Amino acid sequence: MAELTLIVLGDTPPRGIHWSRPGAIHQVRWMVRNLYSMKMFMFAEQLEYDEATVVKLERLNLFLGLFYTPMWMSSTLAADAPANDLQFMKDMMKFKRTDPEIAQAVLQKLENHKWYLTQEVVPFALFGSRLSDKEKVGETLLPSCTPLRSQIASDEGNLCSLRLQPRRLWLI
């Protein structure tokens, strides 16, 4: 998919251009529409599509090449998902100036998928590779751990009475 995106955007992949026989590979079976829309756009002249179809394919492939493929390629680490999704939302807000129809459709879909960005899950982003200044974040969070420390220190060794329930997520 990365090589096809390079070709659609007007570049040549390092190993050159090679066409494979059509068919879904199990890892990208769900991406087949995106892959074929890229190929349809590249061969639009030979396939003699009308102008309206070519314009629609061009708009779609601009979105796929500039936004969707990079996001898909960077989604291999679950800890990066919150940061990736928030960055994708920011990018779509900017893309609204270029193509409001596509950007609005994407933002609506992202709105439907924000359910997992809860206060319990977002701190996992601390383990992701996209967080730039982890030490500063750690220093900021460290003072919020003091209630737990003082509870452990004042409990006189009775670990069974240790409770983390007063605050739902003491990391934040």
N, C-alpha and C. Protein backbone atom coordinates (compact mmCIF):
# COMPACT_ATOMS: atom_id res chain seq x y z
N MET A 1 0.82 -1.18 0.00
CA MET A 1 0.00 0.00 0.00
C MET A 1 0.87 1.25 0.00
N ALA A 2 1.99 1.21 0.71
CA ALA A 2 2.88 2.37 0.76
C ALA A 2 3.45 2.67 -0.62
N GLU A 3 3.85 1.62 -1.34
CA GLU A 3 4.40 1.83 -2.68
C GLU A 3 3.34 2.38 -3.63
N LEU A 4 2.14 1.85 -3.55
CA LEU A 4 1.06 2.33 -4.41
C LEU A 4 0.74 3.79 -4.10
N THR A 5 0.79 4.17 -2.84
CA THR A 5 0.56 5.56 -2.45
C THR A 5 1.63 6.46 -3.04
N LEU A 6 2.89 6.02 -3.00
CA LEU A 6 3.97 6.81 -3.61
C LEU A 6 3.72 7.03 -5.10
N ILE A 7 3.30 5.98 -5.78
CA ILE A 7 3.04 6.08 -7.22
C ILE A 7 1.90 7.05 -7.49
N VAL A 8 0.82 6.95 -6.71
CA VAL A 8 -0.34 7.84 -6.89
C VAL A 8 0.06 9.29 -6.66
N LEU A 9 0.94 9.53 -5.69
CA LEU A 9 1.37 10.89 -5.39
C LEU A 9 2.45 11.39 -6.35
N GLY A 10 2.84 10.56 -7.32
CA GLY A 10 3.76 11.01 -8.37
C GLY A 10 5.22 10.66 -8.15
N ASP A 11 5.53 9.78 -7.24
CA ASP A 11 6.91 9.38 -6.97
C ASP A 11 7.11 7.93 -7.41
N THR A 12 8.35 7.47 -7.37
CA THR A 12 8.65 6.08 -7.71
C THR A 12 9.22 5.40 -6.48
N PRO A 13 8.70 4.23 -6.11
CA PRO A 13 9.24 3.51 -4.95
C PRO A 13 10.70 3.12 -5.19
N PRO A 14 11.47 2.92 -4.13
CA PRO A 14 12.90 2.58 -4.27
C PRO A 14 13.16 1.35 -5.14
N ARG A 15 12.28 0.36 -5.10
CA ARG A 15 12.52 -0.85 -5.91
C ARG A 15 11.84 -0.79 -7.27
N GLY A 16 11.34 0.37 -7.64
CA GLY A 16 10.69 0.55 -8.94
C GLY A 16 9.21 0.23 -8.90
N ILE A 17 8.59 0.30 -10.07
CA ILE A 17 7.15 0.04 -10.17
C ILE A 17 6.93 -1.37 -10.69
N HIS A 18 6.24 -2.17 -9.90
CA HIS A 18 5.91 -3.55 -10.28
C HIS A 18 4.42 -3.74 -10.03
N TRP A 19 3.72 -4.30 -11.00
CA TRP A 19 2.28 -4.53 -10.84
C TRP A 19 2.04 -5.98 -10.47
N SER A 20 1.24 -6.18 -9.46
CA SER A 20 0.89 -7.52 -9.02
C SER A 20 -0.48 -7.90 -9.56
N ARG A 21 -0.71 -9.18 -9.62
CA ARG A 21 -2.01 -9.68 -10.02
C ARG A 21 -3.05 -9.27 -8.97
N PRO A 22 -4.24 -8.83 -9.38
CA PRO A 22 -5.26 -8.43 -8.39
C PRO A 22 -5.65 -9.60 -7.49
N GLY A 23 -5.93 -9.27 -6.26
CA GLY A 23 -6.36 -10.28 -5.30
C GLY A 23 -6.09 -9.80 -3.90
N ALA A 24 -6.94 -10.19 -3.00
CA ALA A 24 -6.80 -9.75 -1.60
C ALA A 24 -5.79 -10.62 -0.88
N ILE A 25 -4.93 -9.98 -0.13
CA ILE A 25 -4.01 -10.66 0.77
C ILE A 25 -4.64 -10.56 2.15
N HIS A 26 -4.53 -11.59 2.95
CA HIS A 26 -5.32 -11.63 4.18
C HIS A 26 -5.09 -10.43 5.10
N GLN A 27 -3.88 -9.84 5.14
CA GLN A 27 -3.66 -8.71 6.03
C GLN A 27 -4.36 -7.44 5.54
N VAL A 28 -4.59 -7.31 4.26
CA VAL A 28 -5.16 -6.07 3.72
C VAL A 28 -6.49 -6.30 3.01
N ARG A 29 -7.13 -7.37 3.30
CA ARG A 29 -8.39 -7.67 2.63
C ARG A 29 -9.39 -6.53 2.78
N TRP A 30 -9.44 -5.92 3.96
CA TRP A 30 -10.37 -4.83 4.20
C TRP A 30 -9.93 -3.53 3.52
N MET A 31 -8.70 -3.48 3.01
CA MET A 31 -8.20 -2.29 2.34
C MET A 31 -8.40 -2.34 0.83
N VAL A 32 -9.01 -3.38 0.34
CA VAL A 32 -9.08 -3.60 -1.10
C VAL A 32 -9.74 -2.43 -1.84
N ARG A 33 -10.74 -1.81 -1.27
CA ARG A 33 -11.38 -0.67 -1.94
C ARG A 33 -10.41 0.49 -2.11
N ASN A 34 -9.62 0.73 -1.09
CA ASN A 34 -8.64 1.82 -1.19
C ASN A 34 -7.58 1.52 -2.24
N LEU A 35 -7.09 0.28 -2.24
CA LEU A 35 -6.07 -0.10 -3.21
C LEU A 35 -6.61 -0.01 -4.63
N TYR A 36 -7.82 -0.49 -4.84
CA TYR A 36 -8.38 -0.45 -6.18
C TYR A 36 -8.74 0.96 -6.62
N SER A 37 -9.14 1.82 -5.69
CA SER A 37 -9.43 3.20 -6.09
C SER A 37 -8.15 3.90 -6.53
N MET A 38 -7.03 3.57 -5.91
CA MET A 38 -5.75 4.13 -6.35
C MET A 38 -5.42 3.66 -7.76
N LYS A 39 -5.61 2.37 -8.00
CA LYS A 39 -5.32 1.84 -9.33
C LYS A 39 -6.29 2.39 -10.37
N MET A 40 -7.56 2.54 -9.99
CA MET A 40 -8.54 3.12 -10.92
C MET A 40 -8.14 4.54 -11.30
N PHE A 41 -7.64 5.31 -10.35
CA PHE A 41 -7.21 6.67 -10.62
C PHE A 41 -6.00 6.70 -11.56
N MET A 42 -5.04 5.81 -11.30
CA MET A 42 -3.83 5.79 -12.13
C MET A 42 -4.13 5.37 -13.57
N PHE A 43 -5.11 4.50 -13.75
CA PHE A 43 -5.43 4.01 -15.09
C PHE A 43 -6.72 4.63 -15.64
N ALA A 44 -7.12 5.77 -15.11
CA ALA A 44 -8.38 6.41 -15.52
C ALA A 44 -8.41 6.73 -17.01
N GLU A 45 -7.28 7.14 -17.56
CA GLU A 45 -7.24 7.48 -18.98
C GLU A 45 -7.45 6.24 -19.85
N GLN A 46 -6.76 5.16 -19.52
CA GLN A 46 -6.91 3.92 -20.28
C GLN A 46 -8.30 3.32 -20.12
N LEU A 47 -8.89 3.49 -18.94
CA LEU A 47 -10.22 2.95 -18.69
C LEU A 47 -11.33 3.88 -19.18
N GLU A 48 -10.93 5.04 -19.66
CA GLU A 48 -11.85 6.02 -20.27
C GLU A 48 -13.00 6.41 -19.34
N TYR A 49 -12.65 6.79 -18.11
CA TYR A 49 -13.66 7.28 -17.17
C TYR A 49 -14.08 8.68 -17.58
N ASP A 50 -15.32 9.04 -17.24
CA ASP A 50 -15.77 10.41 -17.51
C ASP A 50 -15.10 11.37 -16.52
N GLU A 51 -15.17 12.66 -16.82
CA GLU A 51 -14.49 13.68 -16.02
C GLU A 51 -14.94 13.69 -14.56
N ALA A 52 -16.24 13.53 -14.32
CA ALA A 52 -16.77 13.56 -12.95
C ALA A 52 -16.18 12.42 -12.11
N THR A 53 -16.05 11.24 -12.70
CA THR A 53 -15.48 10.09 -11.99
C THR A 53 -14.01 10.33 -11.67
N VAL A 54 -13.28 10.89 -12.64
CA VAL A 54 -11.86 11.17 -12.43
C VAL A 54 -11.67 12.19 -11.30
N VAL A 55 -12.52 13.21 -11.26
CA VAL A 55 -12.43 14.22 -10.19
C VAL A 55 -12.70 13.58 -8.83
N LYS A 56 -13.71 12.72 -8.75
CA LYS A 56 -14.02 12.04 -7.49
C LYS A 56 -12.87 11.13 -7.05
N LEU A 57 -12.30 10.40 -8.01
CA LEU A 57 -11.17 9.53 -7.69
C LEU A 57 -9.95 10.35 -7.24
N GLU A 58 -9.75 11.49 -7.88
CA GLU A 58 -8.63 12.35 -7.50
C GLU A 58 -8.79 12.87 -6.07
N ARG A 59 -9.99 13.31 -5.72
CA ARG A 59 -10.26 13.78 -4.35
C ARG A 59 -10.04 12.67 -3.34
N LEU A 60 -10.57 11.48 -3.63
CA LEU A 60 -10.42 10.35 -2.72
C LEU A 60 -8.95 9.98 -2.55
N ASN A 61 -8.22 9.92 -3.66
CA ASN A 61 -6.83 9.51 -3.59
C ASN A 61 -5.93 10.56 -2.95
N LEU A 62 -6.30 11.82 -3.04
CA LEU A 62 -5.57 12.85 -2.32
C LEU A 62 -5.70 12.61 -0.82
N PHE A 63 -6.91 12.32 -0.37
CA PHE A 63 -7.13 12.00 1.05
C PHE A 63 -6.37 10.73 1.44
N LEU A 64 -6.49 9.68 0.63
CA LEU A 64 -5.82 8.41 0.95
C LEU A 64 -4.31 8.58 1.02
N GLY A 65 -3.75 9.29 0.05
CA GLY A 65 -2.30 9.43 -0.02
C GLY A 65 -1.71 10.33 1.05
N LEU A 66 -2.39 11.42 1.36
CA LEU A 66 -1.83 12.38 2.31
C LEU A 66 -2.17 12.08 3.76
N PHE A 67 -3.30 11.44 4.01
CA PHE A 67 -3.74 11.26 5.39
C PHE A 67 -3.94 9.80 5.79
N TYR A 68 -4.75 9.07 5.03
CA TYR A 68 -5.16 7.74 5.47
C TYR A 68 -3.99 6.74 5.50
N THR A 69 -3.23 6.70 4.42
CA THR A 69 -2.12 5.74 4.37
C THR A 69 -1.09 6.01 5.47
N PRO A 70 -0.65 7.26 5.67
CA PRO A 70 0.30 7.47 6.78
C PRO A 70 -0.27 7.07 8.14
N MET A 71 -1.55 7.34 8.38
CA MET A 71 -2.16 6.94 9.65
C MET A 71 -2.21 5.42 9.77
N TRP A 72 -2.57 4.76 8.69
CA TRP A 72 -2.67 3.30 8.70
C TRP A 72 -1.29 2.68 8.93
N MET A 73 -0.26 3.26 8.31
CA MET A 73 1.09 2.73 8.45
C MET A 73 1.65 2.97 9.85
N SER A 74 1.14 3.96 10.57
CA SER A 74 1.67 4.26 11.90
C SER A 74 0.80 3.68 13.01
N SER A 75 -0.14 2.83 12.67
CA SER A 75 -1.07 2.31 13.68
C SER A 75 -0.70 0.92 14.18
N THR A 76 0.57 0.59 14.15
CA THR A 76 0.98 -0.75 14.56
C THR A 76 1.09 -0.90 16.08
N LEU A 77 1.17 0.21 16.81
CA LEU A 77 1.31 0.16 18.26
C LEU A 77 0.05 0.71 18.91
N ALA A 78 -0.62 -0.12 19.68
CA ALA A 78 -1.89 0.28 20.30
C ALA A 78 -1.73 1.47 21.23
N ALA A 79 -0.57 1.60 21.86
CA ALA A 79 -0.34 2.73 22.77
C ALA A 79 -0.35 4.06 22.03
N ASP A 80 -0.08 4.03 20.74
CA ASP A 80 -0.08 5.26 19.94
C ASP A 80 -1.47 5.65 19.44
N ALA A 81 -2.45 4.79 19.61
CA ALA A 81 -3.78 5.04 19.05
C ALA A 81 -4.40 6.36 19.49
N PRO A 82 -4.40 6.70 20.78
CA PRO A 82 -5.00 7.98 21.16
C PRO A 82 -4.32 9.17 20.50
N ALA A 83 -2.99 9.18 20.49
CA ALA A 83 -2.25 10.29 19.87
C ALA A 83 -2.49 10.32 18.37
N ASN A 84 -2.50 9.14 17.72
CA ASN A 84 -2.77 9.07 16.28
C ASN A 84 -4.15 9.61 15.95
N ASP A 85 -5.15 9.19 16.71
CA ASP A 85 -6.51 9.62 16.42
C ASP A 85 -6.69 11.12 16.63
N LEU A 86 -6.11 11.65 17.69
CA LEU A 86 -6.22 13.09 17.93
C LEU A 86 -5.50 13.89 16.84
N GLN A 87 -4.33 13.39 16.40
CA GLN A 87 -3.62 14.07 15.31
C GLN A 87 -4.42 13.99 14.02
N PHE A 88 -5.04 12.84 13.78
CA PHE A 88 -5.87 12.67 12.58
C PHE A 88 -7.04 13.66 12.60
N MET A 89 -7.64 13.85 13.77
CA MET A 89 -8.73 14.83 13.89
C MET A 89 -8.24 16.24 13.58
N LYS A 90 -7.07 16.59 14.11
CA LYS A 90 -6.51 17.91 13.82
C LYS A 90 -6.25 18.08 12.33
N ASP A 91 -5.68 17.04 11.71
CA ASP A 91 -5.41 17.10 10.27
C ASP A 91 -6.69 17.27 9.47
N MET A 92 -7.75 16.58 9.87
CA MET A 92 -9.01 16.71 9.15
C MET A 92 -9.64 18.10 9.32
N MET A 93 -9.43 18.71 10.49
CA MET A 93 -9.93 20.07 10.69
C MET A 93 -9.24 21.03 9.71
N LYS A 94 -7.95 20.81 9.49
CA LYS A 94 -7.21 21.63 8.51
C LYS A 94 -7.64 21.29 7.08
N PHE A 95 -7.85 20.00 6.82
CA PHE A 95 -8.22 19.53 5.48
C PHE A 95 -9.61 20.04 5.07
N LYS A 96 -10.41 20.45 6.05
CA LYS A 96 -11.74 21.00 5.76
C LYS A 96 -11.66 22.17 4.79
N ARG A 97 -10.55 22.93 4.85
CA ARG A 97 -10.38 24.07 3.94
C ARG A 97 -10.16 23.61 2.51
N THR A 98 -9.57 22.43 2.34
CA THR A 98 -9.28 21.91 1.00
C THR A 98 -10.46 21.14 0.44
N ASP A 99 -10.99 20.22 1.21
CA ASP A 99 -12.12 19.39 0.76
C ASP A 99 -13.08 19.18 1.92
N PRO A 100 -14.01 20.12 2.12
CA PRO A 100 -14.90 20.03 3.28
C PRO A 100 -15.78 18.78 3.30
N GLU A 101 -16.18 18.29 2.14
CA GLU A 101 -17.06 17.12 2.10
C GLU A 101 -16.38 15.88 2.66
N ILE A 102 -15.18 15.58 2.18
CA ILE A 102 -14.45 14.40 2.65
C ILE A 102 -14.06 14.58 4.12
N ALA A 103 -13.55 15.76 4.46
CA ALA A 103 -13.12 16.01 5.84
C ALA A 103 -14.27 15.85 6.82
N GLN A 104 -15.44 16.36 6.46
CA GLN A 104 -16.59 16.25 7.36
C GLN A 104 -17.03 14.80 7.53
N ALA A 105 -17.00 14.03 6.45
CA ALA A 105 -17.36 12.60 6.54
C ALA A 105 -16.38 11.86 7.45
N VAL A 106 -15.10 12.16 7.32
CA VAL A 106 -14.08 11.51 8.16
C VAL A 106 -14.26 11.92 9.62
N LEU A 107 -14.49 13.21 9.86
CA LEU A 107 -14.68 13.68 11.23
C LEU A 107 -15.90 13.05 11.88
N GLN A 108 -16.95 12.83 11.10
CA GLN A 108 -18.14 12.18 11.64
C GLN A 108 -17.83 10.74 12.04
N LYS A 109 -17.07 10.04 11.21
CA LYS A 109 -16.68 8.66 11.55
C LYS A 109 -15.79 8.64 12.78
N LEU A 110 -14.85 9.58 12.86
CA LEU A 110 -13.98 9.64 14.04
C LEU A 110 -14.78 9.95 15.29
N GLU A 111 -15.80 10.77 15.16
CA GLU A 111 -16.67 11.09 16.29
C GLU A 111 -17.33 9.82 16.83
N ASN A 112 -17.71 8.92 15.94
CA ASN A 112 -18.33 7.66 16.34
C ASN A 112 -17.35 6.71 17.02
N HIS A 113 -16.05 6.94 16.82
CA HIS A 113 -15.04 6.03 17.37
C HIS A 113 -14.29 6.62 18.55
N LYS A 114 -14.75 7.73 19.09
CA LYS A 114 -14.08 8.33 20.24
C LYS A 114 -14.46 7.67 21.55
N TRP A 115 -15.35 6.72 21.53
CA TRP A 115 -15.84 6.08 22.75
C TRP A 115 -14.72 5.47 23.57
N TYR A 116 -13.64 5.05 22.92
CA TYR A 116 -12.59 4.37 23.66
C TYR A 116 -11.59 5.35 24.29
N LEU A 117 -11.69 6.64 24.00
CA LEU A 117 -10.76 7.62 24.57
C LEU A 117 -11.23 8.02 25.97
N THR A 118 -11.18 7.09 26.89
CA THR A 118 -11.63 7.33 28.25
C THR A 118 -10.44 7.71 29.13
N GLN A 119 -10.73 8.20 30.31
CA GLN A 119 -9.64 8.60 31.22
C GLN A 119 -8.81 7.41 31.68
N GLU A 120 -9.35 6.20 31.57
CA GLU A 120 -8.58 5.02 31.94
C GLU A 120 -7.64 4.57 30.84
N VAL A 121 -7.97 4.84 29.59
CA VAL A 121 -7.20 4.34 28.46
C VAL A 121 -6.14 5.33 27.98
N VAL A 122 -6.45 6.60 27.98
CA VAL A 122 -5.53 7.60 27.43
C VAL A 122 -4.15 7.57 28.08
N PRO A 123 -4.00 7.32 29.40
CA PRO A 123 -2.65 7.26 29.97
C PRO A 123 -1.75 6.18 29.35
N PHE A 124 -2.33 5.19 28.68
CA PHE A 124 -1.49 4.20 28.01
C PHE A 124 -0.65 4.85 26.92
N ALA A 125 -1.05 6.03 26.47
CA ALA A 125 -0.26 6.76 25.47
C ALA A 125 1.13 7.10 26.01
N LEU A 126 1.30 7.09 27.33
CA LEU A 126 2.62 7.32 27.91
C LEU A 126 3.62 6.27 27.45
N PHE A 127 3.13 5.09 27.08
CA PHE A 127 4.00 4.02 26.64
C PHE A 127 4.20 4.02 25.13
N GLY A 128 3.56 4.94 24.44
CA GLY A 128 3.65 5.01 22.99
C GLY A 128 4.93 5.70 22.53
N SER A 129 5.21 5.57 21.26
CA SER A 129 6.42 6.16 20.69
C SER A 129 6.20 7.60 20.25
N ARG A 130 4.96 8.06 20.19
CA ARG A 130 4.67 9.39 19.67
C ARG A 130 4.75 10.49 20.72
N LEU A 131 4.79 10.13 21.97
CA LEU A 131 4.85 11.15 23.02
C LEU A 131 6.27 11.71 23.04
N SER A 132 6.41 12.99 22.81
CA SER A 132 7.73 13.58 22.59
C SER A 132 8.51 13.81 23.87
N ASP A 133 7.91 14.25 24.92
CA ASP A 133 8.65 14.66 26.09
C ASP A 133 8.22 13.85 27.30
N LYS A 134 8.51 12.56 27.30
CA LYS A 134 8.02 11.65 28.33
C LYS A 134 8.53 12.02 29.73
N GLU A 135 9.76 12.51 29.82
CA GLU A 135 10.28 12.85 31.14
C GLU A 135 9.48 13.98 31.78
N LYS A 136 9.14 14.99 30.98
CA LYS A 136 8.35 16.10 31.51
C LYS A 136 6.98 15.62 31.97
N VAL A 137 6.38 14.75 31.19
CA VAL A 137 5.07 14.21 31.57
C VAL A 137 5.19 13.43 32.86
N GLY A 138 6.25 12.62 32.98
CA GLY A 138 6.46 11.85 34.20
C GLY A 138 6.66 12.74 35.41
N GLU A 139 7.43 13.82 35.24
CA GLU A 139 7.64 14.75 36.34
C GLU A 139 6.34 15.44 36.74
N THR A 140 5.50 15.70 35.75
CA THR A 140 4.21 16.34 36.03
C THR A 140 3.29 15.38 36.78
N LEU A 141 3.32 14.11 36.40
CA LEU A 141 2.43 13.13 37.03
C LEU A 141 2.93 12.68 38.40
N LEU A 142 4.22 12.76 38.65
CA LEU A 142 4.78 12.26 39.90
C LEU A 142 4.13 12.86 41.14
N PRO A 143 3.90 14.17 41.22
CA PRO A 143 3.25 14.70 42.43
C PRO A 143 1.85 14.14 42.66
N SER A 144 1.15 13.75 41.62
CA SER A 144 -0.20 13.21 41.81
C SER A 144 -0.17 11.81 42.40
N CYS A 145 0.99 11.19 42.46
CA CYS A 145 1.11 9.86 43.06
C CYS A 145 1.29 9.93 44.57
N THR A 146 1.51 11.11 45.13
CA THR A 146 1.77 11.22 46.57
C THR A 146 0.63 10.72 47.44
N PRO A 147 -0.66 10.87 47.09
CA PRO A 147 -1.69 10.30 47.96
C PRO A 147 -1.52 8.79 48.15
N LEU A 148 -1.13 8.10 47.11
CA LEU A 148 -0.91 6.66 47.20
C LEU A 148 0.30 6.37 48.08
N ARG A 149 1.38 7.14 47.89
CA ARG A 149 2.58 6.94 48.70
C ARG A 149 2.29 7.14 50.19
N SER A 150 1.60 8.23 50.53
CA SER A 150 1.33 8.49 51.95
C SER A 150 0.37 7.45 52.52
N GLN A 151 -0.53 6.93 51.71
CA GLN A 151 -1.45 5.90 52.19
C GLN A 151 -0.67 4.62 52.50
N ILE A 152 0.29 4.28 51.63
CA ILE A 152 1.10 3.09 51.86
C ILE A 152 1.96 3.28 53.11
N ALA A 153 2.57 4.48 53.24
CA ALA A 153 3.46 4.74 54.38
C ALA A 153 2.70 4.76 55.71
N SER A 154 1.48 5.27 55.72
CA SER A 154 0.74 5.39 56.98
C SER A 154 -0.06 4.14 57.31
N ASP A 155 -0.04 3.16 56.45
CA ASP A 155 -0.88 1.98 56.65
C ASP A 155 -0.23 0.95 57.58
N GLU A 156 1.00 1.20 58.00
CA GLU A 156 1.71 0.33 58.94
C GLU A 156 1.77 -1.12 58.46
N GLY A 157 2.07 -1.28 57.18
CA GLY A 157 2.31 -2.61 56.65
C GLY A 157 1.08 -3.43 56.33
N ASN A 158 -0.11 -2.93 56.55
CA ASN A 158 -1.32 -3.68 56.26
C ASN A 158 -1.74 -3.44 54.81
N LEU A 159 -1.22 -4.25 53.89
CA LEU A 159 -1.50 -4.06 52.46
C LEU A 159 -2.93 -4.39 52.09
N CYS A 160 -3.61 -5.18 52.91
CA CYS A 160 -4.99 -5.55 52.58
C CYS A 160 -5.94 -4.36 52.64
N SER A 161 -5.58 -3.34 53.43
CA SER A 161 -6.48 -2.19 53.55
C SER A 161 -6.19 -1.11 52.51
N LEU A 162 -5.23 -1.35 51.64
CA LEU A 162 -4.89 -0.37 50.60
C LEU A 162 -6.05 -0.24 49.62
N ARG A 163 -6.51 0.97 49.40
CA ARG A 163 -7.64 1.23 48.51
C ARG A 163 -7.24 2.26 47.46
N LEU A 164 -7.59 2.01 46.22
CA LEU A 164 -7.35 2.97 45.15
C LEU A 164 -8.67 3.56 44.66
N GLN A 165 -9.73 3.42 45.41
CA GLN A 165 -11.04 3.83 44.94
C GLN A 165 -11.39 5.30 45.11
N PRO A 166 -10.76 6.08 46.02
CA PRO A 166 -11.20 7.46 46.17
C PRO A 166 -11.19 8.24 44.85
N ARG A 167 -10.17 8.03 44.05
CA ARG A 167 -10.16 8.65 42.73
C ARG A 167 -10.13 7.54 41.71
N ARG A 168 -10.88 7.72 40.63
CA ARG A 168 -10.97 6.67 39.63
C ARG A 168 -9.62 6.39 38.99
N LEU A 169 -8.91 7.43 38.67
CA LEU A 169 -7.61 7.25 38.03
C LEU A 169 -6.62 8.20 38.67
N TRP A 170 -5.81 7.71 39.56
CA TRP A 170 -4.93 8.58 40.33
C TRP A 170 -3.73 9.06 39.53
N LEU A 171 -3.50 8.50 38.32
CA LEU A 171 -2.39 8.98 37.50
C LEU A 171 -2.63 10.38 36.94
N ILE A 172 -3.88 10.74 36.77
CA ILE A 172 -4.18 12.02 36.11
C ILE A 172 -4.48 13.09 37.14
